Amino acid sequence: MKPIKTIATCTIGLTFFSTNLLAQGGCCGEIPPATEGGCCGDKTAPTSKSSPTKAITSGTTVSHSNSMLEGYNAVATALYKDDLASAKKSASGLSKHDKTASMATFAKKLSQAKTIKEARTIFNDLSAAAIKMAKTKKGWKVAHCPMANGNKGGDWLQKASDKRVNNPYFGATMPHCGSFKK
């Protein structure tokens, strides 16, 4: 199987480094990269910042699924900001809005999470359902953090217009660690 190419975006202080500089300076301000050119141990990151990211762009727009994805994005943003109360509130609204039940089960579980750690664990399943839904929608791209879920990795959706990764799995601990999948 051919590895998925990624574009890594990590921050150290206020300076943004492209993946070709990460090997020299560390990853996300936390740990040195595990491999040359990689972020957080991501072995598939290119060493050139000239590679463009590609958003999920196929299909047509349906307002119900777009509003579902917007609701999902509100959950992801709240987790990125370490705001459990907002994540639970957004997930609760999402669970009531999803008539197809593809995301409702996980959204309901997340709305009842007792800790941010529990919410982030459930978010992984919610993300899988959202990514499946977004494959036929414009305006979304998939991000990945290889350190999420106990180093098993975790994916999530972000708006295609986002220039950098906003990691909902680690929040303020490593806010921009990860990469966009191509």
N, C-alpha and C. Protein backbone atom coordinates (compact mmCIF):
# COMPACT_ATOMS: atom_id res chain seq x y z
N MET A 1 0.85 -1.18 0.00
CA MET A 1 0.00 0.00 0.00
C MET A 1 0.89 1.24 0.00
N LYS A 2 0.58 2.16 -0.87
CA LYS A 2 1.34 3.40 -0.98
C LYS A 2 0.99 4.32 0.19
N PRO A 3 2.00 4.88 0.90
CA PRO A 3 1.69 5.77 2.02
C PRO A 3 1.00 7.05 1.55
N ILE A 4 0.18 7.59 2.41
CA ILE A 4 -0.49 8.86 2.14
C ILE A 4 0.50 9.98 2.35
N LYS A 5 0.63 10.85 1.37
CA LYS A 5 1.52 12.00 1.53
C LYS A 5 0.81 13.06 2.35
N THR A 6 1.59 13.76 3.15
CA THR A 6 1.00 14.79 4.00
C THR A 6 1.80 16.07 3.93
N ILE A 7 1.15 17.13 4.33
CA ILE A 7 1.80 18.43 4.47
C ILE A 7 1.76 18.73 5.96
N ALA A 8 2.92 18.80 6.60
CA ALA A 8 2.95 19.04 8.03
C ALA A 8 3.00 20.53 8.32
N THR A 9 2.27 20.94 9.33
CA THR A 9 2.33 22.33 9.78
C THR A 9 2.44 22.31 11.29
N CYS A 10 3.59 22.67 11.78
CA CYS A 10 3.81 22.69 13.22
C CYS A 10 4.33 24.07 13.60
N THR A 11 4.16 24.43 14.85
CA THR A 11 4.65 25.72 15.29
C THR A 11 5.65 25.54 16.41
N ILE A 12 6.60 26.42 16.44
CA ILE A 12 7.54 26.52 17.54
C ILE A 12 7.58 28.00 17.87
N GLY A 13 7.07 28.35 19.04
CA GLY A 13 6.94 29.76 19.38
C GLY A 13 5.99 30.41 18.40
N LEU A 14 6.38 31.54 17.83
CA LEU A 14 5.53 32.24 16.88
C LEU A 14 5.96 32.04 15.44
N THR A 15 7.02 31.27 15.23
CA THR A 15 7.54 31.08 13.90
C THR A 15 7.02 29.78 13.32
N PHE A 16 6.56 29.82 12.08
CA PHE A 16 6.08 28.62 11.41
C PHE A 16 7.22 28.01 10.60
N PHE A 17 7.38 26.73 10.75
CA PHE A 17 8.43 26.02 10.04
C PHE A 17 7.80 25.07 9.04
N SER A 18 8.36 25.00 7.86
CA SER A 18 7.90 23.99 6.91
C SER A 18 8.55 22.67 7.30
N THR A 19 8.09 21.59 6.72
CA THR A 19 8.57 20.28 7.13
C THR A 19 10.06 20.10 6.89
N ASN A 20 10.64 20.80 5.92
CA ASN A 20 12.06 20.62 5.70
C ASN A 20 12.90 21.24 6.81
N LEU A 21 12.33 22.08 7.65
CA LEU A 21 13.06 22.65 8.78
C LEU A 21 12.79 21.91 10.08
N LEU A 22 11.77 21.07 10.11
CA LEU A 22 11.42 20.38 11.34
C LEU A 22 12.53 19.47 11.83
N ALA A 23 13.25 18.86 10.91
CA ALA A 23 14.33 17.96 11.31
C ALA A 23 15.40 18.71 12.09
N GLN A 24 15.50 20.01 11.88
CA GLN A 24 16.49 20.80 12.57
C GLN A 24 15.98 21.36 13.90
N GLY A 25 14.65 21.57 14.03
CA GLY A 25 14.19 22.34 15.16
C GLY A 25 13.18 21.72 16.09
N GLY A 26 12.66 20.56 15.81
CA GLY A 26 11.69 19.96 16.72
C GLY A 26 10.28 20.04 16.18
N CYS A 27 9.40 19.34 16.84
CA CYS A 27 8.04 19.20 16.36
C CYS A 27 7.07 19.79 17.37
N CYS A 28 6.27 20.70 16.94
CA CYS A 28 5.20 21.27 17.76
C CYS A 28 5.72 21.87 19.06
N GLY A 29 7.01 22.16 19.13
CA GLY A 29 7.57 22.75 20.33
C GLY A 29 7.67 21.78 21.49
N GLU A 30 7.41 20.50 21.25
CA GLU A 30 7.39 19.53 22.34
C GLU A 30 8.54 18.54 22.26
N ILE A 31 8.67 17.83 21.16
CA ILE A 31 9.66 16.78 21.03
C ILE A 31 10.35 16.89 19.68
N PRO A 32 11.57 16.36 19.55
CA PRO A 32 12.19 16.37 18.24
C PRO A 32 11.47 15.38 17.33
N PRO A 33 11.47 15.63 16.02
CA PRO A 33 10.79 14.72 15.13
C PRO A 33 11.47 13.36 15.12
N ALA A 34 10.68 12.30 14.93
CA ALA A 34 11.20 10.95 14.96
C ALA A 34 11.98 10.62 13.69
N THR A 35 11.66 11.27 12.59
CA THR A 35 12.33 11.00 11.33
C THR A 35 12.61 12.31 10.62
N GLU A 36 13.56 12.26 9.68
CA GLU A 36 13.83 13.45 8.90
C GLU A 36 12.59 13.90 8.17
N GLY A 37 12.29 15.18 8.24
CA GLY A 37 11.19 15.73 7.48
C GLY A 37 9.82 15.46 8.05
N GLY A 38 9.75 14.81 9.21
CA GLY A 38 8.44 14.42 9.72
C GLY A 38 8.03 15.18 10.95
N CYS A 39 6.75 15.29 11.16
CA CYS A 39 6.17 15.94 12.32
C CYS A 39 5.58 14.88 13.23
N CYS A 40 5.94 14.89 14.47
CA CYS A 40 5.36 13.97 15.45
C CYS A 40 5.52 12.52 15.00
N GLY A 41 6.63 12.21 14.36
CA GLY A 41 6.87 10.85 13.93
C GLY A 41 6.24 10.51 12.59
N ASP A 42 5.69 11.47 11.88
CA ASP A 42 5.04 11.23 10.60
C ASP A 42 6.11 10.95 9.55
N LYS A 43 6.21 9.71 9.10
CA LYS A 43 7.25 9.30 8.17
C LYS A 43 6.91 9.61 6.72
N THR A 44 5.70 10.05 6.45
CA THR A 44 5.30 10.28 5.06
C THR A 44 5.31 11.75 4.67
N ALA A 45 5.76 12.62 5.54
CA ALA A 45 5.75 14.05 5.24
C ALA A 45 6.79 14.38 4.18
N PRO A 46 6.45 15.20 3.23
CA PRO A 46 7.42 15.60 2.22
C PRO A 46 8.43 16.57 2.79
N THR A 47 9.53 16.74 2.08
CA THR A 47 10.56 17.67 2.55
C THR A 47 10.53 18.98 1.79
N SER A 48 9.47 19.23 1.06
CA SER A 48 9.34 20.49 0.33
C SER A 48 8.04 21.16 0.70
N LYS A 49 8.11 22.46 0.95
CA LYS A 49 6.89 23.17 1.29
C LYS A 49 6.08 23.54 0.04
N SER A 50 6.55 23.14 -1.12
CA SER A 50 5.84 23.50 -2.34
C SER A 50 4.68 22.56 -2.66
N SER A 51 4.56 21.43 -1.96
CA SER A 51 3.46 20.51 -2.22
C SER A 51 2.16 21.09 -1.71
N PRO A 52 1.15 21.21 -2.57
CA PRO A 52 -0.13 21.78 -2.14
C PRO A 52 -0.97 20.78 -1.37
N THR A 53 -1.83 21.27 -0.51
CA THR A 53 -2.79 20.40 0.15
C THR A 53 -4.00 20.29 -0.75
N LYS A 54 -4.71 19.19 -0.64
CA LYS A 54 -5.89 18.98 -1.47
C LYS A 54 -7.08 18.73 -0.56
N ALA A 55 -8.10 19.50 -0.74
CA ALA A 55 -9.32 19.34 0.04
C ALA A 55 -10.23 18.30 -0.59
N ILE A 56 -11.13 17.78 0.22
CA ILE A 56 -12.16 16.89 -0.30
C ILE A 56 -13.11 17.77 -1.10
N THR A 57 -13.21 17.52 -2.40
CA THR A 57 -13.97 18.45 -3.24
C THR A 57 -15.00 17.79 -4.14
N SER A 58 -15.20 16.49 -4.06
CA SER A 58 -16.13 15.87 -4.99
C SER A 58 -17.57 15.97 -4.50
N GLY A 59 -18.50 15.82 -5.42
CA GLY A 59 -19.90 15.75 -5.04
C GLY A 59 -20.62 17.08 -5.03
N THR A 60 -21.88 17.02 -4.63
CA THR A 60 -22.71 18.21 -4.56
C THR A 60 -23.01 18.56 -3.12
N THR A 61 -23.53 19.74 -2.92
CA THR A 61 -23.83 20.22 -1.59
C THR A 61 -25.27 19.93 -1.21
N VAL A 62 -25.45 19.37 -0.03
CA VAL A 62 -26.78 19.14 0.53
C VAL A 62 -26.80 19.85 1.87
N SER A 63 -27.77 20.72 2.08
CA SER A 63 -27.75 21.58 3.26
C SER A 63 -27.78 20.81 4.57
N HIS A 64 -28.51 19.69 4.65
CA HIS A 64 -28.55 18.93 5.90
C HIS A 64 -27.17 18.40 6.27
N SER A 65 -26.49 17.76 5.35
CA SER A 65 -25.18 17.22 5.67
C SER A 65 -24.16 18.33 5.89
N ASN A 66 -24.30 19.45 5.20
CA ASN A 66 -23.41 20.57 5.46
C ASN A 66 -23.61 21.11 6.87
N SER A 67 -24.85 21.20 7.32
CA SER A 67 -25.08 21.67 8.69
C SER A 67 -24.58 20.64 9.70
N MET A 68 -24.65 19.36 9.35
CA MET A 68 -24.09 18.32 10.22
C MET A 68 -22.58 18.52 10.35
N LEU A 69 -21.92 18.77 9.23
CA LEU A 69 -20.48 18.97 9.25
C LEU A 69 -20.10 20.25 9.99
N GLU A 70 -20.93 21.28 9.88
CA GLU A 70 -20.69 22.50 10.65
C GLU A 70 -20.82 22.22 12.16
N GLY A 71 -21.81 21.40 12.53
CA GLY A 71 -21.96 21.00 13.93
C GLY A 71 -20.76 20.21 14.42
N TYR A 72 -20.29 19.30 13.58
CA TYR A 72 -19.09 18.53 13.89
C TYR A 72 -17.90 19.47 14.08
N ASN A 73 -17.78 20.46 13.18
CA ASN A 73 -16.68 21.41 13.27
C ASN A 73 -16.71 22.20 14.58
N ALA A 74 -17.91 22.50 15.06
CA ALA A 74 -18.04 23.20 16.35
C ALA A 74 -17.50 22.34 17.49
N VAL A 75 -17.75 21.03 17.42
CA VAL A 75 -17.22 20.11 18.43
C VAL A 75 -15.70 20.09 18.34
N ALA A 76 -15.17 19.93 17.13
CA ALA A 76 -13.72 19.88 16.93
C ALA A 76 -13.03 21.16 17.42
N THR A 77 -13.63 22.30 17.12
CA THR A 77 -13.07 23.59 17.54
C THR A 77 -13.06 23.70 19.06
N ALA A 78 -14.13 23.27 19.70
CA ALA A 78 -14.20 23.32 21.17
C ALA A 78 -13.12 22.43 21.79
N LEU A 79 -12.91 21.25 21.23
CA LEU A 79 -11.87 20.36 21.76
C LEU A 79 -10.48 20.94 21.52
N TYR A 80 -10.28 21.56 20.37
CA TYR A 80 -9.02 22.24 20.08
C TYR A 80 -8.75 23.33 21.12
N LYS A 81 -9.81 24.00 21.58
CA LYS A 81 -9.68 25.06 22.58
C LYS A 81 -9.76 24.54 24.02
N ASP A 82 -9.78 23.21 24.19
CA ASP A 82 -9.87 22.58 25.52
C ASP A 82 -11.14 22.98 26.26
N ASP A 83 -12.22 23.22 25.56
CA ASP A 83 -13.48 23.68 26.14
C ASP A 83 -14.49 22.53 26.16
N LEU A 84 -14.46 21.74 27.22
CA LEU A 84 -15.34 20.57 27.33
C LEU A 84 -16.80 20.97 27.31
N ALA A 85 -17.17 22.02 28.02
CA ALA A 85 -18.58 22.44 28.08
C ALA A 85 -19.12 22.76 26.68
N SER A 86 -18.37 23.51 25.89
CA SER A 86 -18.81 23.84 24.54
C SER A 86 -18.84 22.61 23.64
N ALA A 87 -17.86 21.72 23.80
CA ALA A 87 -17.84 20.49 23.01
C ALA A 87 -19.08 19.65 23.30
N LYS A 88 -19.43 19.54 24.58
CA LYS A 88 -20.61 18.76 24.96
C LYS A 88 -21.89 19.40 24.44
N LYS A 89 -21.98 20.72 24.52
CA LYS A 89 -23.17 21.43 24.05
C LYS A 89 -23.32 21.26 22.53
N SER A 90 -22.22 21.42 21.81
CA SER A 90 -22.26 21.26 20.35
C SER A 90 -22.60 19.82 19.97
N ALA A 91 -22.04 18.86 20.69
CA ALA A 91 -22.33 17.45 20.42
C ALA A 91 -23.78 17.12 20.70
N SER A 92 -24.33 17.71 21.75
CA SER A 92 -25.74 17.49 22.08
C SER A 92 -26.64 17.98 20.95
N GLY A 93 -26.36 19.15 20.44
CA GLY A 93 -27.13 19.68 19.31
C GLY A 93 -26.97 18.82 18.07
N LEU A 94 -25.77 18.34 17.85
CA LEU A 94 -25.49 17.49 16.70
C LEU A 94 -26.25 16.16 16.81
N SER A 95 -26.31 15.60 18.00
CA SER A 95 -27.00 14.32 18.18
C SER A 95 -28.49 14.44 17.90
N LYS A 96 -29.07 15.59 18.15
CA LYS A 96 -30.50 15.81 17.90
C LYS A 96 -30.76 16.14 16.43
N HIS A 97 -29.76 16.66 15.76
CA HIS A 97 -29.91 17.12 14.38
C HIS A 97 -29.71 15.98 13.37
N ASP A 98 -28.94 14.97 13.75
CA ASP A 98 -28.61 13.89 12.82
C ASP A 98 -29.75 12.89 12.72
N LYS A 99 -30.50 12.97 11.66
CA LYS A 99 -31.64 12.07 11.45
C LYS A 99 -31.20 10.71 10.91
N THR A 100 -29.99 10.62 10.39
CA THR A 100 -29.51 9.37 9.80
C THR A 100 -28.86 8.46 10.83
N ALA A 101 -28.57 8.95 11.99
CA ALA A 101 -27.93 8.22 13.09
C ALA A 101 -26.47 7.87 12.83
N SER A 102 -25.92 8.27 11.69
CA SER A 102 -24.52 7.95 11.43
C SER A 102 -23.58 8.64 12.41
N MET A 103 -23.93 9.83 12.83
CA MET A 103 -23.10 10.56 13.79
C MET A 103 -23.79 10.70 15.14
N ALA A 104 -25.08 10.46 15.20
CA ALA A 104 -25.87 10.72 16.41
C ALA A 104 -25.39 9.93 17.62
N THR A 105 -25.07 8.66 17.43
CA THR A 105 -24.65 7.82 18.55
C THR A 105 -23.40 8.37 19.22
N PHE A 106 -22.41 8.71 18.41
CA PHE A 106 -21.15 9.21 18.96
C PHE A 106 -21.31 10.62 19.51
N ALA A 107 -22.12 11.44 18.85
CA ALA A 107 -22.37 12.79 19.34
C ALA A 107 -23.06 12.75 20.71
N LYS A 108 -24.03 11.84 20.86
CA LYS A 108 -24.72 11.72 22.15
C LYS A 108 -23.75 11.27 23.24
N LYS A 109 -22.90 10.29 22.93
CA LYS A 109 -21.90 9.83 23.91
C LYS A 109 -20.96 10.96 24.29
N LEU A 110 -20.53 11.73 23.30
CA LEU A 110 -19.61 12.83 23.57
C LEU A 110 -20.29 13.89 24.43
N SER A 111 -21.57 14.12 24.20
CA SER A 111 -22.29 15.13 24.98
C SER A 111 -22.41 14.74 26.45
N GLN A 112 -22.18 13.48 26.76
CA GLN A 112 -22.27 12.99 28.13
C GLN A 112 -20.89 12.72 28.75
N ALA A 113 -19.83 13.08 28.05
CA ALA A 113 -18.47 12.84 28.54
C ALA A 113 -18.22 13.58 29.85
N LYS A 114 -17.52 12.94 30.74
CA LYS A 114 -17.19 13.54 32.04
C LYS A 114 -15.87 14.32 32.02
N THR A 115 -14.98 13.93 31.12
CA THR A 115 -13.67 14.58 31.05
C THR A 115 -13.32 14.91 29.60
N ILE A 116 -12.38 15.82 29.42
CA ILE A 116 -11.93 16.17 28.07
C ILE A 116 -11.26 14.97 27.43
N LYS A 117 -10.56 14.16 28.21
CA LYS A 117 -9.91 12.95 27.68
C LYS A 117 -10.96 11.99 27.13
N GLU A 118 -12.02 11.77 27.86
CA GLU A 118 -13.10 10.90 27.40
C GLU A 118 -13.75 11.46 26.13
N ALA A 119 -13.97 12.76 26.11
CA ALA A 119 -14.57 13.40 24.93
C ALA A 119 -13.68 13.21 23.70
N ARG A 120 -12.38 13.34 23.88
CA ARG A 120 -11.45 13.18 22.75
C ARG A 120 -11.41 11.74 22.26
N THR A 121 -11.56 10.80 23.15
CA THR A 121 -11.61 9.39 22.74
C THR A 121 -12.84 9.13 21.88
N ILE A 122 -13.98 9.64 22.30
CA ILE A 122 -15.24 9.48 21.55
C ILE A 122 -15.17 10.26 20.24
N PHE A 123 -14.49 11.40 20.27
CA PHE A 123 -14.36 12.24 19.08
C PHE A 123 -13.74 11.48 17.91
N ASN A 124 -12.87 10.53 18.19
CA ASN A 124 -12.25 9.74 17.13
C ASN A 124 -13.32 9.01 16.30
N ASP A 125 -14.31 8.41 16.96
CA ASP A 125 -15.40 7.72 16.25
C ASP A 125 -16.31 8.72 15.53
N LEU A 126 -16.58 9.83 16.18
CA LEU A 126 -17.39 10.88 15.55
C LEU A 126 -16.70 11.38 14.28
N SER A 127 -15.39 11.52 14.34
CA SER A 127 -14.62 11.98 13.18
C SER A 127 -14.71 11.00 12.02
N ALA A 128 -14.64 9.71 12.31
CA ALA A 128 -14.74 8.70 11.24
C ALA A 128 -16.06 8.85 10.49
N ALA A 129 -17.14 9.06 11.21
CA ALA A 129 -18.45 9.24 10.58
C ALA A 129 -18.50 10.54 9.78
N ALA A 130 -17.91 11.60 10.32
CA ALA A 130 -17.91 12.90 9.63
C ALA A 130 -17.06 12.84 8.36
N ILE A 131 -15.93 12.18 8.43
CA ILE A 131 -15.06 12.05 7.26
C ILE A 131 -15.78 11.29 6.15
N LYS A 132 -16.48 10.25 6.52
CA LYS A 132 -17.25 9.48 5.54
C LYS A 132 -18.30 10.38 4.87
N MET A 133 -18.98 11.20 5.66
CA MET A 133 -19.99 12.11 5.13
C MET A 133 -19.35 13.17 4.23
N ALA A 134 -18.17 13.65 4.58
CA ALA A 134 -17.53 14.75 3.86
C ALA A 134 -16.94 14.33 2.52
N LYS A 135 -16.82 13.05 2.27
CA LYS A 135 -16.24 12.60 1.01
C LYS A 135 -17.03 13.08 -0.20
N THR A 136 -18.28 13.42 -0.01
CA THR A 136 -19.10 13.91 -1.12
C THR A 136 -19.38 15.40 -1.03
N LYS A 137 -18.65 16.09 -0.18
CA LYS A 137 -18.89 17.53 0.05
C LYS A 137 -17.66 18.35 -0.30
N LYS A 138 -17.89 19.56 -0.70
CA LYS A 138 -16.81 20.50 -0.94
C LYS A 138 -16.52 21.27 0.35
N GLY A 139 -15.30 21.77 0.45
CA GLY A 139 -14.97 22.68 1.54
C GLY A 139 -14.35 22.05 2.77
N TRP A 140 -13.97 20.77 2.70
CA TRP A 140 -13.41 20.08 3.87
C TRP A 140 -12.14 19.34 3.48
N LYS A 141 -11.23 19.22 4.43
CA LYS A 141 -10.03 18.39 4.23
C LYS A 141 -9.77 17.61 5.50
N VAL A 142 -9.07 16.51 5.35
CA VAL A 142 -8.79 15.61 6.46
C VAL A 142 -7.42 15.95 7.04
N ALA A 143 -7.36 16.04 8.36
CA ALA A 143 -6.11 16.25 9.08
C ALA A 143 -5.80 14.98 9.87
N HIS A 144 -4.53 14.81 10.21
CA HIS A 144 -4.10 13.60 10.91
C HIS A 144 -3.04 13.94 11.95
N CYS A 145 -3.15 13.33 13.11
CA CYS A 145 -2.12 13.42 14.14
C CYS A 145 -1.68 12.00 14.47
N PRO A 146 -0.42 11.66 14.20
CA PRO A 146 0.06 10.30 14.47
C PRO A 146 0.18 9.98 15.96
N MET A 147 0.16 10.99 16.81
CA MET A 147 0.31 10.77 18.25
C MET A 147 -1.02 10.59 18.96
N ALA A 148 -2.13 10.91 18.30
CA ALA A 148 -3.45 10.81 18.93
C ALA A 148 -3.79 9.35 19.23
N ASN A 149 -4.70 9.16 20.16
CA ASN A 149 -5.19 7.83 20.51
C ASN A 149 -4.06 6.88 20.89
N GLY A 150 -3.21 7.33 21.78
CA GLY A 150 -2.11 6.49 22.27
C GLY A 150 -1.13 6.10 21.17
N ASN A 151 -0.80 7.04 20.31
CA ASN A 151 0.12 6.86 19.19
C ASN A 151 -0.42 5.93 18.10
N LYS A 152 -1.72 5.66 18.11
CA LYS A 152 -2.34 4.91 17.02
C LYS A 152 -2.72 5.84 15.88
N GLY A 153 -2.77 7.13 16.18
CA GLY A 153 -3.13 8.14 15.19
C GLY A 153 -4.61 8.45 15.22
N GLY A 154 -4.93 9.63 14.76
CA GLY A 154 -6.32 10.05 14.69
C GLY A 154 -6.53 11.07 13.59
N ASP A 155 -7.64 10.93 12.89
CA ASP A 155 -8.01 11.85 11.82
C ASP A 155 -9.16 12.73 12.27
N TRP A 156 -9.30 13.87 11.62
CA TRP A 156 -10.44 14.75 11.83
C TRP A 156 -10.60 15.65 10.61
N LEU A 157 -11.74 16.29 10.52
CA LEU A 157 -12.00 17.22 9.42
C LEU A 157 -11.71 18.64 9.84
N GLN A 158 -11.23 19.41 8.89
CA GLN A 158 -11.12 20.86 9.05
C GLN A 158 -11.61 21.50 7.77
N LYS A 159 -11.95 22.76 7.87
CA LYS A 159 -12.38 23.51 6.69
C LYS A 159 -11.21 23.58 5.70
N ALA A 160 -11.54 23.49 4.43
CA ALA A 160 -10.51 23.54 3.39
C ALA A 160 -9.76 24.86 3.40
N SER A 161 -10.38 25.91 3.90
CA SER A 161 -9.73 27.23 3.95
C SER A 161 -8.72 27.36 5.09
N ASP A 162 -8.72 26.43 6.04
CA ASP A 162 -7.76 26.48 7.15
C ASP A 162 -6.34 26.30 6.62
N LYS A 163 -5.46 27.15 7.06
CA LYS A 163 -4.06 27.11 6.61
C LYS A 163 -3.19 26.21 7.48
N ARG A 164 -3.61 25.99 8.72
CA ARG A 164 -2.81 25.14 9.60
C ARG A 164 -3.72 24.20 10.38
N VAL A 165 -3.12 23.15 10.85
CA VAL A 165 -3.82 22.14 11.63
C VAL A 165 -4.19 22.72 12.99
N ASN A 166 -5.41 22.47 13.44
CA ASN A 166 -5.87 22.82 14.78
C ASN A 166 -6.27 21.51 15.46
N ASN A 167 -5.37 20.96 16.24
CA ASN A 167 -5.48 19.61 16.75
C ASN A 167 -6.47 19.47 17.91
N PRO A 168 -7.62 18.82 17.68
CA PRO A 168 -8.61 18.64 18.74
C PRO A 168 -8.24 17.52 19.72
N TYR A 169 -7.29 16.68 19.36
CA TYR A 169 -6.89 15.58 20.23
C TYR A 169 -5.96 16.02 21.36
N PHE A 170 -5.23 17.12 21.15
CA PHE A 170 -4.29 17.59 22.17
C PHE A 170 -4.56 19.01 22.64
N GLY A 171 -5.33 19.78 21.91
CA GLY A 171 -5.66 21.14 22.35
C GLY A 171 -4.42 21.97 22.60
N ALA A 172 -4.40 22.67 23.73
CA ALA A 172 -3.31 23.59 24.06
C ALA A 172 -1.97 22.88 24.26
N THR A 173 -1.99 21.59 24.56
CA THR A 173 -0.74 20.86 24.76
C THR A 173 0.10 20.85 23.49
N MET A 174 -0.52 20.55 22.36
CA MET A 174 0.14 20.56 21.05
C MET A 174 -0.88 21.02 20.01
N PRO A 175 -1.20 22.31 20.02
CA PRO A 175 -2.33 22.81 19.23
C PRO A 175 -2.22 22.64 17.72
N HIS A 176 -1.03 22.64 17.17
CA HIS A 176 -0.90 22.60 15.72
C HIS A 176 -0.10 21.39 15.25
N CYS A 177 -0.02 20.39 16.08
CA CYS A 177 0.71 19.19 15.72
C CYS A 177 -0.16 18.32 14.81
N GLY A 178 0.39 17.90 13.72
CA GLY A 178 -0.32 17.06 12.78
C GLY A 178 -0.09 17.55 11.37
N SER A 179 -0.86 17.01 10.45
CA SER A 179 -0.70 17.35 9.04
C SER A 179 -2.01 17.15 8.31
N PHE A 180 -2.11 17.79 7.16
CA PHE A 180 -3.27 17.59 6.29
C PHE A 180 -2.94 16.44 5.35
N LYS A 181 -3.88 15.55 5.18
CA LYS A 181 -3.70 14.45 4.23
C LYS A 181 -3.91 14.97 2.83
N LYS A 182 -3.19 14.42 1.91
CA LYS A 182 -3.30 14.84 0.51
C LYS A 182 -4.21 13.90 -0.24
